[in-house]
């Protein structure tokens, strides 16, 4: 098998890996919502409660709980795309990054959130979106930068979620959105040496030399 065929095979494996775990992790909130509604369990009471010791459990439960079907449906497409991108670029290393985003975003929401029960995966969505965008910009790796631009195009309107005055009198957790943004930026900077990297000038020159040798 030539090097090109091996690369194609590896790319397909990475894509299947990313799609599988993206679907798996996106399905989990649906399972929770179905069980919650079918058995009238009122699981949303176990959401995140800021500055309460019992509310710390919500750091883990918050992304799986949603107010209603429309809330869940609105979070599903971006969650699927962004998680898929994370595993596509970072493969198994994506688990560590996802863990950082998940825990830190929840903890910041617990620290700064208003006195209410916070539920929904939107904070994690914002964390993932910010991570992809900042990673693409600072690393300048072609594929990840293209994905960052796609994220900006699809979810650029998310910026309006950081203005609390727009959500006065609503149950929308702008604190979760802001926590996600801050978390994504922090983890993108912390993990800037992880995953795909832009080729250095020396690597480019070596590739050009190989191409010249192949043509001779």
N, C-alpha and C. Protein backbone atom coordinates (compact mmCIF):
# COMPACT_ATOMS: atom_id res chain seq x y z
N UNK A 1 0.85 -1.19 0.00
CA UNK A 1 0.00 0.00 0.00
C UNK A 1 0.89 1.25 0.00
N UNK A 2 0.67 2.18 -0.91
CA UNK A 2 1.49 3.38 -0.99
C UNK A 2 1.11 4.35 0.12
N UNK A 3 1.95 5.38 0.30
CA UNK A 3 1.74 6.34 1.38
C UNK A 3 0.42 7.07 1.23
N UNK A 4 0.05 7.39 -0.02
CA UNK A 4 -1.19 8.11 -0.25
C UNK A 4 -2.39 7.27 0.17
N UNK A 5 -2.37 5.98 -0.17
CA UNK A 5 -3.47 5.09 0.20
C UNK A 5 -3.55 4.94 1.71
N UNK A 6 -2.39 4.88 2.37
CA UNK A 6 -2.38 4.78 3.83
C UNK A 6 -2.98 6.02 4.46
N UNK A 7 -2.66 7.18 3.91
CA UNK A 7 -3.21 8.43 4.44
C UNK A 7 -4.72 8.48 4.27
N UNK A 8 -5.20 8.00 3.12
CA UNK A 8 -6.64 7.98 2.87
C UNK A 8 -7.33 7.05 3.85
N UNK A 9 -6.72 5.89 4.09
CA UNK A 9 -7.28 4.93 5.05
C UNK A 9 -7.32 5.52 6.45
N UNK A 10 -6.24 6.20 6.85
CA UNK A 10 -6.19 6.83 8.17
C UNK A 10 -7.24 7.92 8.30
N UNK A 11 -7.41 8.71 7.24
CA UNK A 11 -8.40 9.79 7.26
C UNK A 11 -9.81 9.22 7.42
N UNK A 12 -10.08 8.10 6.75
CA UNK A 12 -11.39 7.48 6.86
C UNK A 12 -11.64 6.95 8.26
N UNK A 13 -10.59 6.37 8.86
CA UNK A 13 -10.72 5.88 10.24
C UNK A 13 -11.01 7.03 11.19
N UNK A 14 -10.29 8.14 11.02
CA UNK A 14 -10.49 9.30 11.88
C UNK A 14 -11.90 9.86 11.70
N UNK A 15 -12.38 9.88 10.46
CA UNK A 15 -13.73 10.39 10.20
C UNK A 15 -14.78 9.49 10.84
N UNK A 16 -14.62 8.17 10.69
CA UNK A 16 -15.58 7.24 11.32
C UNK A 16 -15.55 7.38 12.83
N UNK A 17 -14.37 7.53 13.39
CA UNK A 17 -14.23 7.71 14.84
C UNK A 17 -14.97 8.97 15.28
N UNK A 18 -14.76 10.07 14.55
CA UNK A 18 -15.39 11.35 14.90
C UNK A 18 -16.91 11.26 14.79
N UNK A 19 -17.40 10.66 13.71
CA UNK A 19 -18.85 10.56 13.51
C UNK A 19 -19.49 9.69 14.58
N UNK A 20 -18.84 8.57 14.91
CA UNK A 20 -19.41 7.64 15.90
C UNK A 20 -19.58 8.32 17.26
N UNK A 21 -18.53 8.96 17.75
CA UNK A 21 -18.61 9.56 19.08
C UNK A 21 -19.42 10.84 19.08
N UNK A 22 -19.46 11.53 17.96
CA UNK A 22 -20.33 12.70 17.85
C UNK A 22 -21.80 12.28 17.99
N UNK A 23 -22.18 11.23 17.27
CA UNK A 23 -23.55 10.73 17.36
C UNK A 23 -23.86 10.18 18.75
N UNK A 24 -22.91 9.43 19.32
CA UNK A 24 -23.12 8.83 20.63
C UNK A 24 -23.36 9.90 21.69
N UNK A 25 -22.50 10.90 21.73
CA UNK A 25 -22.61 11.93 22.76
C UNK A 25 -23.80 12.84 22.54
N UNK A 26 -24.23 12.98 21.30
CA UNK A 26 -25.39 13.82 21.01
C UNK A 26 -26.69 13.08 21.33
N UNK A 27 -26.68 11.77 21.23
CA UNK A 27 -27.88 10.97 21.52
C UNK A 27 -28.19 10.94 23.02
N UNK A 28 -27.16 11.02 23.86
CA UNK A 28 -27.36 10.88 25.31
C UNK A 28 -28.37 11.89 25.87
N UNK A 29 -28.30 13.19 25.54
CA UNK A 29 -29.32 14.11 26.05
C UNK A 29 -30.74 13.75 25.58
N UNK A 30 -30.85 13.16 24.39
CA UNK A 30 -32.16 12.72 23.90
C UNK A 30 -32.68 11.57 24.75
N UNK A 31 -31.81 10.64 25.10
CA UNK A 31 -32.23 9.51 25.94
C UNK A 31 -32.72 10.04 27.29
N UNK A 32 -31.97 10.98 27.87
CA UNK A 32 -32.36 11.55 29.16
C UNK A 32 -33.71 12.26 29.05
N UNK A 33 -33.90 13.03 27.97
CA UNK A 33 -35.15 13.77 27.80
C UNK A 33 -36.34 12.81 27.61
N UNK A 34 -36.13 11.76 26.84
CA UNK A 34 -37.21 10.79 26.62
C UNK A 34 -37.60 10.11 27.93
N UNK A 35 -36.61 9.70 28.69
CA UNK A 35 -36.88 9.05 29.98
C UNK A 35 -37.55 10.04 30.94
N UNK A 36 -37.06 11.27 30.94
CA UNK A 36 -37.61 12.29 31.82
C UNK A 36 -39.09 12.55 31.55
N UNK A 37 -39.44 12.65 30.27
CA UNK A 37 -40.82 12.93 29.89
C UNK A 37 -41.70 11.69 30.04
N UNK A 38 -41.19 10.55 29.60
CA UNK A 38 -42.00 9.32 29.61
C UNK A 38 -42.39 8.91 31.01
N UNK A 39 -41.51 9.12 31.97
CA UNK A 39 -41.77 8.66 33.34
C UNK A 39 -42.03 9.81 34.31
N UNK A 40 -42.16 11.03 33.76
CA UNK A 40 -42.46 12.22 34.58
C UNK A 40 -41.53 12.31 35.80
N UNK A 41 -40.23 12.25 35.54
CA UNK A 41 -39.26 12.16 36.63
C UNK A 41 -38.82 13.52 37.18
N UNK A 42 -39.05 14.58 36.43
CA UNK A 42 -38.59 15.91 36.85
C UNK A 42 -37.09 15.92 37.15
N UNK A 43 -36.32 15.39 36.21
CA UNK A 43 -34.88 15.33 36.40
C UNK A 43 -34.22 16.70 36.38
N UNK A 44 -34.92 17.69 35.83
CA UNK A 44 -34.33 19.02 35.72
C UNK A 44 -34.03 19.65 37.08
N UNK A 45 -34.61 19.13 38.12
CA UNK A 45 -34.31 19.64 39.47
C UNK A 45 -32.85 19.37 39.85
N UNK A 46 -32.21 18.46 39.12
CA UNK A 46 -30.82 18.13 39.40
C UNK A 46 -29.85 18.93 38.54
N UNK A 47 -30.34 20.03 37.99
CA UNK A 47 -29.47 20.90 37.22
C UNK A 47 -28.48 21.64 38.10
N UNK A 48 -27.72 22.54 37.49
CA UNK A 48 -26.67 23.27 38.21
C UNK A 48 -27.28 24.41 39.02
N UNK A 49 -26.95 24.47 40.31
CA UNK A 49 -27.42 25.53 41.20
C UNK A 49 -26.19 26.30 41.69
N UNK A 50 -25.97 27.50 41.17
CA UNK A 50 -24.75 28.26 41.50
C UNK A 50 -24.58 28.51 43.00
N UNK A 51 -23.31 28.36 43.41
CA UNK A 51 -22.88 28.68 44.77
C UNK A 51 -23.58 27.86 45.85
N UNK A 52 -24.14 26.72 45.47
CA UNK A 52 -24.72 25.78 46.43
C UNK A 52 -23.93 24.48 46.33
N UNK A 53 -23.57 23.92 47.48
CA UNK A 53 -22.78 22.70 47.48
C UNK A 53 -23.54 21.57 46.76
N UNK A 54 -24.84 21.46 46.99
CA UNK A 54 -25.60 20.42 46.31
C UNK A 54 -25.72 20.70 44.82
N UNK A 55 -25.52 21.96 44.45
CA UNK A 55 -25.60 22.33 43.04
C UNK A 55 -24.38 21.95 42.24
N UNK A 56 -23.31 21.53 42.92
CA UNK A 56 -22.09 21.11 42.21
C UNK A 56 -22.35 19.91 41.32
N UNK A 57 -23.31 19.07 41.70
CA UNK A 57 -23.66 17.92 40.86
C UNK A 57 -24.09 18.37 39.47
N UNK A 58 -24.65 19.56 39.39
CA UNK A 58 -25.11 20.08 38.12
C UNK A 58 -24.01 20.32 37.11
N UNK A 59 -22.76 20.42 37.57
CA UNK A 59 -21.65 20.55 36.63
C UNK A 59 -21.64 19.35 35.69
N UNK A 60 -21.99 18.18 36.22
CA UNK A 60 -22.02 16.96 35.43
C UNK A 60 -23.35 16.78 34.71
N UNK A 61 -24.45 17.18 35.33
CA UNK A 61 -25.77 16.89 34.77
C UNK A 61 -26.30 17.95 33.82
N UNK A 62 -25.85 19.18 33.97
CA UNK A 62 -26.41 20.31 33.22
C UNK A 62 -26.52 20.07 31.72
N UNK A 63 -25.46 19.60 31.03
CA UNK A 63 -25.56 19.46 29.56
C UNK A 63 -26.57 18.39 29.10
N UNK A 64 -26.99 17.51 29.99
CA UNK A 64 -27.90 16.43 29.60
C UNK A 64 -29.36 16.78 29.86
N UNK A 65 -29.63 17.89 30.53
CA UNK A 65 -30.98 18.26 30.91
C UNK A 65 -31.46 19.46 30.09
N UNK A 66 -32.70 19.38 29.61
CA UNK A 66 -33.25 20.47 28.80
C UNK A 66 -34.68 20.78 29.20
N UNK A 67 -35.03 22.04 29.05
CA UNK A 67 -36.34 22.51 29.50
C UNK A 67 -37.48 21.86 28.73
N UNK A 68 -37.30 21.70 27.41
CA UNK A 68 -38.35 21.11 26.58
C UNK A 68 -37.70 20.59 25.30
N UNK A 69 -38.55 20.09 24.39
CA UNK A 69 -38.04 19.51 23.15
C UNK A 69 -37.38 20.56 22.25
N UNK A 70 -37.96 21.75 22.20
CA UNK A 70 -37.39 22.79 21.33
C UNK A 70 -36.00 23.21 21.83
N UNK A 71 -35.83 23.24 23.15
CA UNK A 71 -34.53 23.55 23.73
C UNK A 71 -33.50 22.50 23.32
N UNK A 72 -33.89 21.25 23.40
CA UNK A 72 -33.00 20.15 23.03
C UNK A 72 -32.69 20.17 21.54
N UNK A 73 -33.71 20.38 20.73
CA UNK A 73 -33.54 20.39 19.27
C UNK A 73 -32.59 21.52 18.84
N UNK A 74 -32.70 22.68 19.47
CA UNK A 74 -31.85 23.80 19.09
C UNK A 74 -30.38 23.55 19.41
N UNK A 75 -30.11 22.75 20.45
CA UNK A 75 -28.73 22.47 20.83
C UNK A 75 -28.12 21.30 20.07
N UNK A 76 -28.96 20.44 19.51
CA UNK A 76 -28.45 19.20 18.91
C UNK A 76 -27.54 19.40 17.69
N UNK A 77 -27.95 20.16 16.66
CA UNK A 77 -27.06 20.28 15.47
C UNK A 77 -25.69 20.87 15.79
N UNK A 78 -25.61 22.01 16.52
CA UNK A 78 -24.26 22.54 16.80
C UNK A 78 -23.44 21.60 17.67
N UNK A 79 -24.08 20.92 18.61
CA UNK A 79 -23.35 19.98 19.46
C UNK A 79 -22.76 18.85 18.63
N UNK A 80 -23.53 18.34 17.69
CA UNK A 80 -23.07 17.25 16.84
C UNK A 80 -21.90 17.68 15.96
N UNK A 81 -22.02 18.84 15.33
CA UNK A 81 -20.98 19.34 14.44
C UNK A 81 -19.69 19.63 15.20
N UNK A 82 -19.82 20.30 16.34
CA UNK A 82 -18.64 20.73 17.09
C UNK A 82 -17.91 19.57 17.76
N UNK A 83 -18.65 18.62 18.29
CA UNK A 83 -18.02 17.43 18.87
C UNK A 83 -17.35 16.61 17.77
N UNK A 84 -18.03 16.49 16.63
CA UNK A 84 -17.44 15.78 15.50
C UNK A 84 -16.13 16.40 15.07
N UNK A 85 -16.09 17.72 15.00
CA UNK A 85 -14.86 18.42 14.63
C UNK A 85 -13.76 18.21 15.64
N UNK A 86 -14.13 18.17 16.91
CA UNK A 86 -13.14 17.96 17.97
C UNK A 86 -12.45 16.61 17.83
N UNK A 87 -13.23 15.55 17.61
CA UNK A 87 -12.64 14.22 17.48
C UNK A 87 -11.97 14.03 16.12
N UNK A 88 -12.41 14.76 15.12
CA UNK A 88 -11.78 14.66 13.81
C UNK A 88 -10.36 15.21 13.85
N UNK A 89 -10.17 16.33 14.53
CA UNK A 89 -8.86 16.96 14.57
C UNK A 89 -7.95 16.41 15.67
N UNK A 90 -8.55 15.92 16.75
CA UNK A 90 -7.75 15.51 17.89
C UNK A 90 -7.84 14.02 18.19
N UNK A 91 -8.67 13.30 17.44
CA UNK A 91 -8.83 11.87 17.62
C UNK A 91 -9.07 11.54 19.09
N UNK A 92 -8.37 10.59 19.64
CA UNK A 92 -8.61 10.20 21.04
C UNK A 92 -8.21 11.28 22.04
N UNK A 93 -7.35 12.19 21.63
CA UNK A 93 -7.02 13.32 22.49
C UNK A 93 -8.19 14.25 22.70
N UNK A 94 -9.22 14.10 21.85
CA UNK A 94 -10.42 14.92 22.00
C UNK A 94 -11.14 14.69 23.31
N UNK A 95 -10.99 13.48 23.88
CA UNK A 95 -11.65 13.18 25.16
C UNK A 95 -11.12 14.09 26.26
N UNK A 96 -9.81 14.29 26.30
CA UNK A 96 -9.22 15.14 27.33
C UNK A 96 -9.68 16.59 27.17
N UNK A 97 -9.67 17.07 25.94
CA UNK A 97 -10.10 18.45 25.69
C UNK A 97 -11.58 18.61 26.04
N UNK A 98 -12.40 17.65 25.63
CA UNK A 98 -13.82 17.71 25.94
C UNK A 98 -14.04 17.72 27.45
N UNK A 99 -13.25 16.93 28.17
CA UNK A 99 -13.35 16.90 29.62
C UNK A 99 -13.02 18.25 30.24
N UNK A 100 -11.96 18.89 29.75
CA UNK A 100 -11.60 20.22 30.23
C UNK A 100 -12.76 21.21 29.99
N UNK A 101 -13.27 21.22 28.77
CA UNK A 101 -14.34 22.15 28.42
C UNK A 101 -15.58 21.91 29.27
N UNK A 102 -15.92 20.65 29.44
CA UNK A 102 -17.11 20.23 30.17
C UNK A 102 -17.06 20.69 31.63
N UNK A 103 -15.97 20.36 32.32
CA UNK A 103 -15.85 20.63 33.75
C UNK A 103 -15.64 22.12 34.03
N UNK A 104 -14.73 22.75 33.31
CA UNK A 104 -14.41 24.15 33.59
C UNK A 104 -15.59 25.05 33.26
N UNK A 105 -16.27 24.79 32.14
CA UNK A 105 -17.45 25.58 31.78
C UNK A 105 -18.52 25.46 32.87
N UNK A 106 -18.76 24.25 33.34
CA UNK A 106 -19.74 24.05 34.39
C UNK A 106 -19.34 24.74 35.69
N UNK A 107 -18.06 24.65 36.04
CA UNK A 107 -17.60 25.26 37.28
C UNK A 107 -17.71 26.79 37.23
N UNK A 108 -17.34 27.39 36.09
CA UNK A 108 -17.46 28.84 35.96
C UNK A 108 -18.92 29.28 36.05
N UNK A 109 -19.82 28.49 35.46
CA UNK A 109 -21.25 28.80 35.56
C UNK A 109 -21.71 28.70 37.01
N UNK A 110 -21.20 27.71 37.72
CA UNK A 110 -21.54 27.55 39.14
C UNK A 110 -21.05 28.76 39.94
N UNK A 111 -19.92 29.32 39.56
CA UNK A 111 -19.35 30.46 40.28
C UNK A 111 -20.06 31.77 39.98
N UNK A 112 -20.47 31.98 38.73
CA UNK A 112 -20.99 33.29 38.33
C UNK A 112 -22.49 33.31 38.04
N UNK A 113 -23.14 32.15 38.04
CA UNK A 113 -24.55 32.10 37.65
C UNK A 113 -25.48 32.75 38.65
N UNK A 114 -26.63 33.20 38.15
CA UNK A 114 -27.65 33.76 39.03
C UNK A 114 -28.29 32.64 39.84
N UNK A 115 -29.04 33.01 40.85
CA UNK A 115 -29.69 32.04 41.72
C UNK A 115 -30.87 31.40 40.99
N UNK A 116 -30.60 30.28 40.32
CA UNK A 116 -31.62 29.55 39.56
C UNK A 116 -31.04 28.18 39.25
N UNK A 117 -31.86 27.32 38.67
CA UNK A 117 -31.37 26.01 38.23
C UNK A 117 -31.02 26.10 36.76
N UNK A 118 -29.76 25.91 36.45
CA UNK A 118 -29.26 26.05 35.08
C UNK A 118 -29.20 24.67 34.41
N UNK A 119 -29.82 24.57 33.24
CA UNK A 119 -29.82 23.32 32.49
C UNK A 119 -29.54 23.61 31.02
N UNK A 120 -29.14 22.57 30.28
CA UNK A 120 -28.92 22.69 28.84
C UNK A 120 -27.46 22.56 28.44
N UNK A 121 -27.25 22.18 27.20
CA UNK A 121 -25.90 21.96 26.67
C UNK A 121 -25.34 23.19 25.97
N UNK A 122 -26.05 24.32 26.02
CA UNK A 122 -25.59 25.49 25.26
C UNK A 122 -24.25 26.02 25.76
N UNK A 123 -23.98 25.91 27.08
CA UNK A 123 -22.68 26.34 27.59
C UNK A 123 -21.55 25.54 26.97
N UNK A 124 -21.76 24.23 26.85
CA UNK A 124 -20.76 23.37 26.22
C UNK A 124 -20.63 23.68 24.73
N UNK A 125 -21.74 23.99 24.09
CA UNK A 125 -21.72 24.37 22.67
C UNK A 125 -20.85 25.61 22.47
N UNK A 126 -21.04 26.61 23.33
CA UNK A 126 -20.23 27.83 23.24
C UNK A 126 -18.76 27.55 23.50
N UNK A 127 -18.49 26.66 24.46
CA UNK A 127 -17.10 26.31 24.76
C UNK A 127 -16.44 25.64 23.56
N UNK A 128 -17.14 24.73 22.93
CA UNK A 128 -16.61 24.04 21.76
C UNK A 128 -16.40 25.01 20.59
N UNK A 129 -17.38 25.88 20.36
CA UNK A 129 -17.29 26.84 19.26
C UNK A 129 -16.10 27.77 19.46
N UNK A 130 -15.93 28.28 20.68
CA UNK A 130 -14.81 29.18 20.96
C UNK A 130 -13.49 28.44 20.84
N UNK A 131 -13.45 27.21 21.31
CA UNK A 131 -12.22 26.41 21.21
C UNK A 131 -11.81 26.22 19.75
N UNK A 132 -12.76 25.81 18.90
CA UNK A 132 -12.44 25.59 17.49
C UNK A 132 -11.97 26.87 16.81
N UNK A 133 -12.66 27.97 17.08
CA UNK A 133 -12.32 29.22 16.41
C UNK A 133 -10.93 29.70 16.82
N UNK A 134 -10.68 29.75 18.13
CA UNK A 134 -9.39 30.25 18.62
C UNK A 134 -8.26 29.31 18.20
N UNK A 135 -8.49 28.00 18.27
CA UNK A 135 -7.47 27.03 17.84
C UNK A 135 -7.10 27.23 16.38
N UNK A 136 -8.12 27.39 15.54
CA UNK A 136 -7.86 27.57 14.13
C UNK A 136 -7.08 28.84 13.83
N UNK A 137 -7.39 29.90 14.56
CA UNK A 137 -6.73 31.18 14.32
C UNK A 137 -5.28 31.17 14.79
N UNK A 138 -5.03 30.63 16.00
CA UNK A 138 -3.67 30.72 16.54
C UNK A 138 -2.73 29.67 15.94
N UNK A 139 -3.28 28.54 15.51
CA UNK A 139 -2.42 27.49 14.96
C UNK A 139 -2.23 27.60 13.45
N UNK A 140 -3.20 28.22 12.77
CA UNK A 140 -3.13 28.45 11.32
C UNK A 140 -2.96 27.15 10.53
N UNK A 141 -3.48 26.06 11.08
CA UNK A 141 -3.50 24.80 10.33
C UNK A 141 -4.67 24.84 9.37
N UNK A 142 -4.45 24.49 8.12
CA UNK A 142 -5.42 24.75 7.06
C UNK A 142 -6.80 24.17 7.34
N UNK A 143 -6.86 22.89 7.69
CA UNK A 143 -8.17 22.25 7.89
C UNK A 143 -8.89 22.83 9.09
N UNK A 144 -8.16 23.02 10.19
CA UNK A 144 -8.80 23.52 11.39
C UNK A 144 -9.21 24.98 11.23
N UNK A 145 -8.42 25.75 10.48
CA UNK A 145 -8.78 27.14 10.21
C UNK A 145 -10.05 27.20 9.36
N UNK A 146 -10.15 26.30 8.37
CA UNK A 146 -11.37 26.24 7.56
C UNK A 146 -12.58 25.88 8.42
N UNK A 147 -12.38 24.94 9.35
CA UNK A 147 -13.47 24.56 10.25
C UNK A 147 -13.84 25.73 11.16
N UNK A 148 -12.84 26.49 11.61
CA UNK A 148 -13.09 27.65 12.45
C UNK A 148 -13.95 28.69 11.71
N UNK A 149 -13.65 28.88 10.44
CA UNK A 149 -14.43 29.81 9.63
C UNK A 149 -15.86 29.30 9.44
N UNK A 150 -15.99 27.98 9.29
CA UNK A 150 -17.32 27.38 9.18
C UNK A 150 -18.10 27.60 10.47
N UNK A 151 -17.43 27.41 11.61
CA UNK A 151 -18.07 27.64 12.91
C UNK A 151 -18.54 29.09 13.01
N UNK A 152 -17.69 30.02 12.59
CA UNK A 152 -18.05 31.44 12.64
C UNK A 152 -19.25 31.73 11.76
N UNK A 153 -19.28 31.15 10.56
CA UNK A 153 -20.39 31.36 9.64
C UNK A 153 -21.70 30.80 10.19
N UNK A 154 -21.62 29.59 10.75
CA UNK A 154 -22.84 28.93 11.22
C UNK A 154 -23.34 29.49 12.55
N UNK A 155 -22.39 29.84 13.44
CA UNK A 155 -22.78 30.19 14.81
C UNK A 155 -22.29 31.57 15.23
N UNK A 156 -22.01 32.43 14.25
CA UNK A 156 -21.55 33.78 14.58
C UNK A 156 -22.58 34.57 15.37
N UNK A 157 -23.85 34.23 15.20
CA UNK A 157 -24.92 34.92 15.93
C UNK A 157 -24.90 34.65 17.41
N UNK A 158 -24.10 33.69 17.83
CA UNK A 158 -24.00 33.35 19.25
C UNK A 158 -23.52 34.53 20.09
N UNK A 159 -22.85 35.50 19.46
CA UNK A 159 -22.29 36.62 20.20
C UNK A 159 -23.37 37.38 20.96
N UNK A 160 -24.62 37.36 20.44
CA UNK A 160 -25.69 38.09 21.10
C UNK A 160 -26.06 37.47 22.43
N UNK A 161 -25.66 36.23 22.66
CA UNK A 161 -26.01 35.55 23.91
C UNK A 161 -25.20 36.04 25.09
N UNK A 162 -24.22 36.92 24.87
CA UNK A 162 -23.39 37.40 25.96
C UNK A 162 -23.89 38.71 26.56
N UNK A 163 -25.07 39.16 26.12
CA UNK A 163 -25.63 40.40 26.62
C UNK A 163 -26.82 40.09 27.52
N UNK A 164 -26.62 40.13 28.84
CA UNK A 164 -27.67 39.72 29.77
C UNK A 164 -28.95 40.54 29.65
N UNK A 165 -28.83 41.81 29.23
CA UNK A 165 -30.02 42.65 29.14
C UNK A 165 -31.01 42.12 28.11
N UNK A 166 -30.52 41.34 27.15
CA UNK A 166 -31.41 40.78 26.13
C UNK A 166 -32.24 39.63 26.68
N UNK A 167 -31.85 39.11 27.84
CA UNK A 167 -32.51 37.93 28.38
C UNK A 167 -33.13 38.16 29.75
N UNK A 168 -33.34 39.45 30.07
CA UNK A 168 -34.00 39.77 31.33
C UNK A 168 -35.41 39.18 31.33
N UNK A 169 -35.75 38.51 32.40
CA UNK A 169 -37.09 37.92 32.51
C UNK A 169 -37.23 36.60 31.80
N UNK A 170 -36.13 36.05 31.27
CA UNK A 170 -36.17 34.74 30.61
C UNK A 170 -35.37 33.74 31.44
N UNK A 171 -35.49 32.47 31.06
CA UNK A 171 -34.77 31.41 31.77
C UNK A 171 -33.47 31.04 31.06
N UNK A 172 -33.09 31.79 30.03
CA UNK A 172 -31.87 31.49 29.28
C UNK A 172 -30.64 31.84 30.11
N UNK A 173 -29.70 30.90 30.21
CA UNK A 173 -28.51 31.09 31.03
C UNK A 173 -27.41 31.77 30.23
N UNK A 174 -27.43 33.11 30.21
CA UNK A 174 -26.35 33.82 29.53
C UNK A 174 -25.03 33.59 30.26
N UNK A 175 -25.11 33.29 31.58
CA UNK A 175 -23.89 33.00 32.33
C UNK A 175 -23.22 31.72 31.81
N UNK A 176 -24.04 30.73 31.44
CA UNK A 176 -23.50 29.51 30.86
C UNK A 176 -22.83 29.78 29.52
N UNK A 177 -23.44 30.68 28.73
CA UNK A 177 -22.86 31.03 27.44
C UNK A 177 -21.51 31.73 27.62
N UNK A 178 -21.47 32.69 28.55
CA UNK A 178 -20.23 33.42 28.80
C UNK A 178 -19.16 32.49 29.37
N UNK A 179 -19.56 31.60 30.26
CA UNK A 179 -18.61 30.62 30.82
C UNK A 179 -18.03 29.74 29.72
N UNK A 180 -18.89 29.35 28.77
CA UNK A 180 -18.43 28.53 27.65
C UNK A 180 -17.43 29.27 26.79
N UNK A 181 -17.71 30.53 26.50
CA UNK A 181 -16.79 31.35 25.69
C UNK A 181 -15.42 31.44 26.36
N UNK A 182 -15.41 31.79 27.64
CA UNK A 182 -14.15 31.94 28.36
C UNK A 182 -13.39 30.61 28.43
N UNK A 183 -14.12 29.54 28.68
CA UNK A 183 -13.50 28.22 28.77
C UNK A 183 -12.87 27.81 27.44
N UNK A 184 -13.60 28.01 26.35
CA UNK A 184 -13.09 27.65 25.03
C UNK A 184 -11.81 28.38 24.69
N UNK A 185 -11.75 29.67 25.01
CA UNK A 185 -10.54 30.47 24.74
C UNK A 185 -9.37 29.96 25.58
N UNK A 186 -9.62 29.73 26.86
CA UNK A 186 -8.56 29.28 27.77
C UNK A 186 -7.99 27.94 27.33
N UNK A 187 -8.87 26.99 27.02
CA UNK A 187 -8.41 25.65 26.66
C UNK A 187 -7.74 25.65 25.28
N UNK A 188 -8.20 26.49 24.37
CA UNK A 188 -7.54 26.59 23.06
C UNK A 188 -6.10 27.07 23.21
N UNK A 189 -5.89 28.02 24.09
CA UNK A 189 -4.53 28.53 24.34
C UNK A 189 -3.70 27.48 25.06
N UNK A 190 -4.30 26.80 26.02
CA UNK A 190 -3.58 25.79 26.80
C UNK A 190 -3.18 24.60 25.92
N UNK A 191 -4.06 24.24 24.98
CA UNK A 191 -3.82 23.06 24.13
C UNK A 191 -3.34 23.44 22.74
N UNK A 192 -2.70 24.59 22.62
CA UNK A 192 -2.31 25.08 21.29
C UNK A 192 -1.28 24.18 20.60
N UNK A 193 -0.58 23.36 21.38
CA UNK A 193 0.42 22.46 20.79
C UNK A 193 -0.14 21.06 20.56
N UNK A 194 -1.43 20.88 20.84
CA UNK A 194 -2.07 19.58 20.64
C UNK A 194 -2.77 19.54 19.29
N UNK A 195 -2.92 18.33 18.74
CA UNK A 195 -3.66 18.18 17.49
C UNK A 195 -2.87 18.64 16.28
N UNK A 196 -3.55 18.87 15.16
CA UNK A 196 -2.87 19.24 13.91
C UNK A 196 -2.17 20.59 14.04
N UNK A 197 -1.00 20.70 13.41
CA UNK A 197 -0.23 21.93 13.45
C UNK A 197 0.07 22.37 12.02
N UNK A 198 0.20 23.66 11.84
CA UNK A 198 0.59 24.17 10.53
C UNK A 198 2.01 23.73 10.22
N UNK A 199 2.30 23.30 8.99
CA UNK A 199 3.66 22.87 8.64
C UNK A 199 4.65 24.02 8.76
N UNK A 200 5.84 23.72 9.23
CA UNK A 200 6.88 24.74 9.32
C UNK A 200 7.49 24.98 7.95
N UNK A 201 8.26 26.04 7.85
CA UNK A 201 8.93 26.38 6.58
C UNK A 201 9.86 25.25 6.15
N UNK A 202 10.55 24.63 7.11
CA UNK A 202 11.47 23.54 6.80
C UNK A 202 10.72 22.34 6.23
N UNK A 203 9.56 22.04 6.80
CA UNK A 203 8.76 20.92 6.31
C UNK A 203 8.29 21.19 4.89
N UNK A 204 7.89 22.44 4.62
CA UNK A 204 7.45 22.80 3.27
C UNK A 204 8.58 22.60 2.26
N UNK A 205 9.80 23.00 2.65
CA UNK A 205 10.93 22.87 1.74
C UNK A 205 11.24 21.39 1.48
N UNK A 206 11.13 20.56 2.51
CA UNK A 206 11.40 19.12 2.35
C UNK A 206 10.36 18.49 1.42
N UNK A 207 9.09 18.90 1.57
CA UNK A 207 8.04 18.38 0.71
C UNK A 207 8.29 18.77 -0.74
N UNK A 208 8.72 20.02 -0.96
CA UNK A 208 9.00 20.48 -2.32
C UNK A 208 10.16 19.71 -2.93
N UNK A 209 11.18 19.41 -2.12
CA UNK A 209 12.33 18.65 -2.61
C UNK A 209 11.91 17.24 -3.00
N UNK A 210 11.02 16.64 -2.21
CA UNK A 210 10.54 15.29 -2.52
C UNK A 210 9.77 15.29 -3.84
N UNK A 211 8.98 16.34 -4.05
CA UNK A 211 8.21 16.42 -5.29
C UNK A 211 9.14 16.55 -6.50
N UNK A 212 10.21 17.35 -6.33
CA UNK A 212 11.17 17.53 -7.42
C UNK A 212 11.86 16.20 -7.72
N UNK A 213 12.26 15.46 -6.68
CA UNK A 213 12.90 14.16 -6.87
C UNK A 213 11.98 13.18 -7.56
N UNK A 214 10.68 13.19 -7.23
CA UNK A 214 9.73 12.27 -7.85
C UNK A 214 9.55 12.57 -9.33
N UNK A 215 9.67 13.85 -9.70
CA UNK A 215 9.46 14.24 -11.10
C UNK A 215 10.69 13.95 -11.95
N UNK A 216 11.83 13.74 -11.31
CA UNK A 216 13.06 13.51 -12.10
C UNK A 216 13.16 12.05 -12.55
